[in-house]
Each structure stands twice: as structure tokens, then as C-alpha cells.
Amino acid sequence: MPRRKEKTRRLWLNVTQKGVKVTRREFIKRLLRSIDDGTYQLPPEWKVTLHWRNTKHGKMKRGPWEQEMRDSRQSSPGWDYAVATYLRRKL
């Protein structure tokens, strides 16, 4: 019997920021670098919030970039890839 393909869930994301004095493109590139490094660290003056949900009618979750990225990566191995894909589409 063939193996079933794993179901994928659509991910709704939004990234908001305050105190960022760079272009949107540079901002996204810096977020991508933080994912590639695996540190999720950003300059201390940046206040970046990640808003997300992974079900259509689920409650939106939000929190500081570093915290949400770390917490979500622990529960979902594909999290970094999904967020990076979303950000690359914004470039």
C-alpha cells in the first residue's frame, strides 16, 4: 500500500517592526540571516513582532521575533523553512 503524502497546513504570517531604520528589503534580508544563523537575534533597537497561525480559523499568536521563532521551531521542524519561504516572497 503506498504511503500517504503528509498533509500540509497553510501558514498565515505577518511581521511588524518598530525602530528599524533600514529599507524593507534590508529588513527582510536581516530576518533571513537570523534564521540561517539559527540565532534569531536582531539589533537590540529593533522591536520585531511575529503574528502567525497555522489553521484557517485558529487564533492569531504573536510575540517577539526571537521567542516565537525559537518556541515554534521546537514544536515544528519545518518552521524555519516556512518562515524563510514567506520572507523570500516579500523580497
N, C-alpha and C. Protein backbone atom coordinates (compact mmCIF):
# COMPACT_ATOMS: atom_id res chain seq x y z
N MET A 1 0.84 -1.18 0.00
CA MET A 1 0.00 0.00 0.00
C MET A 1 0.89 1.24 0.00
N PRO A 2 0.66 2.17 -0.93
CA PRO A 2 1.50 3.37 -0.99
C PRO A 2 1.31 4.24 0.24
N ARG A 3 2.36 4.90 0.58
CA ARG A 3 2.34 5.81 1.72
C ARG A 3 1.58 7.07 1.40
N ARG A 4 0.80 7.55 2.34
CA ARG A 4 0.06 8.79 2.12
C ARG A 4 0.99 9.98 2.24
N LYS A 5 0.77 10.91 1.39
CA LYS A 5 1.53 12.15 1.48
C LYS A 5 1.09 12.90 2.74
N GLU A 6 2.05 13.42 3.48
CA GLU A 6 1.70 14.17 4.69
C GLU A 6 0.91 15.42 4.33
N LYS A 7 -0.09 15.69 5.14
CA LYS A 7 -0.87 16.90 4.92
C LYS A 7 -0.03 18.11 5.29
N THR A 8 -0.18 19.14 4.52
CA THR A 8 0.49 20.39 4.86
C THR A 8 -0.58 21.38 5.31
N ARG A 9 -0.18 22.27 6.18
CA ARG A 9 -1.10 23.29 6.66
C ARG A 9 -0.64 24.64 6.14
N ARG A 10 -1.60 25.45 5.79
CA ARG A 10 -1.27 26.79 5.36
C ARG A 10 -0.86 27.61 6.58
N LEU A 11 0.14 28.44 6.40
CA LEU A 11 0.65 29.26 7.48
C LEU A 11 0.36 30.72 7.18
N TRP A 12 -0.31 31.39 8.10
CA TRP A 12 -0.58 32.83 7.97
C TRP A 12 0.45 33.55 8.81
N LEU A 13 1.19 34.47 8.20
CA LEU A 13 2.26 35.18 8.89
C LEU A 13 2.17 36.67 8.63
N ASN A 14 2.63 37.43 9.59
CA ASN A 14 2.82 38.87 9.40
C ASN A 14 3.94 39.28 10.35
N VAL A 15 4.83 40.11 9.86
CA VAL A 15 5.93 40.59 10.67
C VAL A 15 5.80 42.10 10.77
N THR A 16 5.75 42.61 11.99
CA THR A 16 5.68 44.06 12.19
C THR A 16 6.95 44.50 12.90
N GLN A 17 7.29 45.77 12.72
CA GLN A 17 8.53 46.27 13.28
C GLN A 17 8.42 47.72 13.71
N LYS A 18 9.24 48.07 14.70
CA LYS A 18 9.39 49.45 15.15
C LYS A 18 10.86 49.69 15.40
N GLY A 19 11.31 50.91 15.17
CA GLY A 19 12.70 51.26 15.45
C GLY A 19 13.67 50.79 14.40
N VAL A 20 13.17 50.35 13.25
CA VAL A 20 14.04 49.85 12.18
C VAL A 20 14.28 50.98 11.19
N LYS A 21 15.53 51.33 11.01
CA LYS A 21 15.88 52.44 10.13
C LYS A 21 16.59 51.96 8.86
N VAL A 22 16.07 50.91 8.27
CA VAL A 22 16.63 50.38 7.02
C VAL A 22 15.48 50.18 6.04
N THR A 23 15.83 49.91 4.80
CA THR A 23 14.80 49.66 3.80
C THR A 23 14.10 48.32 4.11
N ARG A 24 12.92 48.15 3.56
CA ARG A 24 12.16 46.91 3.77
C ARG A 24 12.97 45.70 3.28
N ARG A 25 13.64 45.88 2.15
CA ARG A 25 14.46 44.80 1.59
C ARG A 25 15.59 44.41 2.55
N GLU A 26 16.29 45.40 3.10
CA GLU A 26 17.37 45.10 4.05
C GLU A 26 16.82 44.48 5.33
N PHE A 27 15.65 44.92 5.75
CA PHE A 27 14.99 44.36 6.93
C PHE A 27 14.72 42.87 6.73
N ILE A 28 14.16 42.52 5.59
CA ILE A 28 13.84 41.11 5.31
C ILE A 28 15.12 40.29 5.20
N LYS A 29 16.14 40.84 4.56
CA LYS A 29 17.41 40.12 4.45
C LYS A 29 18.00 39.84 5.83
N ARG A 30 17.87 40.80 6.74
CA ARG A 30 18.40 40.60 8.11
C ARG A 30 17.61 39.52 8.84
N LEU A 31 16.29 39.48 8.64
CA LEU A 31 15.49 38.42 9.24
C LEU A 31 15.91 37.05 8.70
N LEU A 32 16.14 36.98 7.39
CA LEU A 32 16.57 35.73 6.78
C LEU A 32 17.94 35.29 7.31
N ARG A 33 18.85 36.24 7.50
CA ARG A 33 20.16 35.90 8.07
C ARG A 33 20.02 35.34 9.48
N SER A 34 19.10 35.91 10.26
CA SER A 34 18.91 35.43 11.62
C SER A 34 18.36 34.00 11.63
N ILE A 35 17.57 33.66 10.63
CA ILE A 35 17.07 32.29 10.51
C ILE A 35 18.20 31.36 10.08
N ASP A 36 18.98 31.78 9.08
CA ASP A 36 20.09 30.96 8.60
C ASP A 36 21.12 30.71 9.70
N ASP A 37 21.37 31.72 10.54
CA ASP A 37 22.31 31.57 11.65
C ASP A 37 21.75 30.67 12.75
N GLY A 38 20.44 30.60 12.83
CA GLY A 38 19.80 29.82 13.87
C GLY A 38 19.74 30.53 15.22
N THR A 39 20.12 31.82 15.22
CA THR A 39 20.13 32.58 16.47
C THR A 39 18.87 33.41 16.65
N TYR A 40 18.29 33.83 15.55
CA TYR A 40 17.10 34.69 15.53
C TYR A 40 17.36 36.04 16.19
N GLN A 41 18.61 36.39 16.38
CA GLN A 41 18.94 37.66 17.03
C GLN A 41 18.93 38.79 16.02
N LEU A 42 18.39 39.91 16.49
CA LEU A 42 18.31 41.12 15.69
C LEU A 42 18.94 42.25 16.49
N PRO A 43 19.23 43.38 15.84
CA PRO A 43 19.77 44.51 16.60
C PRO A 43 18.84 44.87 17.77
N PRO A 44 19.41 45.23 18.92
CA PRO A 44 18.59 45.46 20.12
C PRO A 44 17.57 46.59 19.99
N GLU A 45 17.82 47.55 19.12
CA GLU A 45 16.86 48.65 18.97
C GLU A 45 15.66 48.28 18.11
N TRP A 46 15.73 47.15 17.43
CA TRP A 46 14.62 46.68 16.61
C TRP A 46 13.59 45.99 17.49
N LYS A 47 12.35 46.37 17.34
CA LYS A 47 11.23 45.72 18.03
C LYS A 47 10.40 45.02 16.96
N VAL A 48 10.65 43.74 16.78
CA VAL A 48 10.01 42.97 15.73
C VAL A 48 9.04 41.97 16.35
N THR A 49 7.82 41.97 15.85
CA THR A 49 6.78 41.08 16.35
C THR A 49 6.33 40.15 15.24
N LEU A 50 6.22 38.88 15.56
CA LEU A 50 5.75 37.88 14.61
C LEU A 50 4.31 37.53 14.97
N HIS A 51 3.40 37.69 14.01
CA HIS A 51 1.99 37.33 14.16
C HIS A 51 1.78 36.10 13.26
N TRP A 52 1.19 35.03 13.79
CA TRP A 52 1.03 33.84 12.97
C TRP A 52 -0.08 32.94 13.49
N ARG A 53 -0.51 32.07 12.59
CA ARG A 53 -1.41 30.97 12.93
C ARG A 53 -1.24 29.92 11.85
N ASN A 54 -1.56 28.67 12.20
CA ASN A 54 -1.38 27.62 11.20
C ASN A 54 -2.67 26.87 10.88
N THR A 55 -3.79 27.43 11.31
CA THR A 55 -5.09 26.91 10.89
C THR A 55 -5.95 28.09 10.45
N LYS A 56 -6.83 27.83 9.54
CA LYS A 56 -7.61 28.90 8.94
C LYS A 56 -8.39 29.71 9.97
N HIS A 57 -9.00 29.05 10.92
CA HIS A 57 -9.81 29.76 11.90
C HIS A 57 -9.16 29.80 13.28
N GLY A 58 -7.88 29.48 13.33
CA GLY A 58 -7.17 29.49 14.61
C GLY A 58 -6.92 30.91 15.10
N LYS A 59 -6.65 31.00 16.37
CA LYS A 59 -6.35 32.29 16.97
C LYS A 59 -4.94 32.74 16.55
N MET A 60 -4.82 34.00 16.19
CA MET A 60 -3.51 34.53 15.83
C MET A 60 -2.64 34.58 17.08
N LYS A 61 -1.43 34.06 16.93
CA LYS A 61 -0.46 34.13 18.02
C LYS A 61 0.51 35.24 17.68
N ARG A 62 1.04 35.88 18.70
CA ARG A 62 2.03 36.92 18.42
C ARG A 62 2.99 37.03 19.58
N GLY A 63 4.17 37.48 19.23
CA GLY A 63 5.19 37.66 20.25
C GLY A 63 6.46 38.17 19.63
N PRO A 64 7.45 38.44 20.46
CA PRO A 64 8.74 38.90 19.94
C PRO A 64 9.35 37.89 18.97
N TRP A 65 10.00 38.39 17.95
CA TRP A 65 10.60 37.57 16.90
C TRP A 65 11.39 36.39 17.46
N GLU A 66 12.38 36.68 18.32
CA GLU A 66 13.26 35.62 18.82
C GLU A 66 12.47 34.54 19.57
N GLN A 67 11.59 34.94 20.43
CA GLN A 67 10.83 34.00 21.25
C GLN A 67 9.92 33.12 20.39
N GLU A 68 9.15 33.73 19.50
CA GLU A 68 8.23 32.97 18.66
C GLU A 68 8.97 32.02 17.73
N MET A 69 10.10 32.48 17.18
CA MET A 69 10.86 31.61 16.29
C MET A 69 11.42 30.41 17.04
N ARG A 70 11.98 30.63 18.21
CA ARG A 70 12.55 29.52 19.00
C ARG A 70 11.46 28.55 19.45
N ASP A 71 10.39 29.07 20.01
CA ASP A 71 9.31 28.21 20.51
C ASP A 71 8.69 27.39 19.39
N SER A 72 8.46 28.02 18.25
CA SER A 72 7.81 27.33 17.14
C SER A 72 8.73 26.31 16.49
N ARG A 73 10.03 26.60 16.46
CA ARG A 73 10.97 25.64 15.88
C ARG A 73 11.01 24.35 16.70
N GLN A 74 10.88 24.49 18.02
CA GLN A 74 10.91 23.30 18.88
C GLN A 74 9.72 22.38 18.60
N SER A 75 8.59 22.94 18.25
CA SER A 75 7.41 22.11 18.03
C SER A 75 7.22 21.71 16.56
N SER A 76 7.91 22.37 15.65
CA SER A 76 7.73 22.07 14.24
C SER A 76 9.06 22.15 13.50
N PRO A 77 9.58 21.02 13.02
CA PRO A 77 10.88 21.04 12.34
C PRO A 77 10.88 21.83 11.03
N GLY A 78 9.74 22.05 10.41
CA GLY A 78 9.68 22.79 9.16
C GLY A 78 9.41 24.27 9.33
N TRP A 79 9.39 24.73 10.56
CA TRP A 79 9.04 26.13 10.85
C TRP A 79 9.99 27.11 10.17
N ASP A 80 11.29 26.94 10.36
CA ASP A 80 12.27 27.87 9.78
C ASP A 80 12.10 27.96 8.27
N TYR A 81 11.93 26.81 7.63
CA TYR A 81 11.77 26.78 6.18
C TYR A 81 10.51 27.54 5.76
N ALA A 82 9.42 27.35 6.48
CA ALA A 82 8.15 28.01 6.13
C ALA A 82 8.26 29.52 6.27
N VAL A 83 8.88 29.99 7.35
CA VAL A 83 9.02 31.43 7.56
C VAL A 83 9.98 32.02 6.53
N ALA A 84 11.08 31.33 6.27
CA ALA A 84 12.05 31.82 5.28
C ALA A 84 11.41 31.90 3.89
N THR A 85 10.60 30.92 3.53
CA THR A 85 9.91 30.94 2.24
C THR A 85 8.98 32.14 2.15
N TYR A 86 8.23 32.38 3.21
CA TYR A 86 7.34 33.54 3.26
C TYR A 86 8.13 34.84 3.07
N LEU A 87 9.22 34.98 3.80
CA LEU A 87 10.02 36.22 3.72
C LEU A 87 10.65 36.40 2.34
N ARG A 88 11.15 35.32 1.74
CA ARG A 88 11.76 35.43 0.41
C ARG A 88 10.75 35.91 -0.64
N ARG A 89 9.49 35.54 -0.45
CA ARG A 89 8.45 36.00 -1.38
C ARG A 89 8.22 37.49 -1.25
N LYS A 90 8.60 38.07 -0.13
CA LYS A 90 8.41 39.51 0.12
C LYS A 90 9.55 40.35 -0.45
N LEU A 91 10.63 39.71 -0.89
CA LEU A 91 11.78 40.46 -1.45
C LEU A 91 11.48 41.03 -2.81
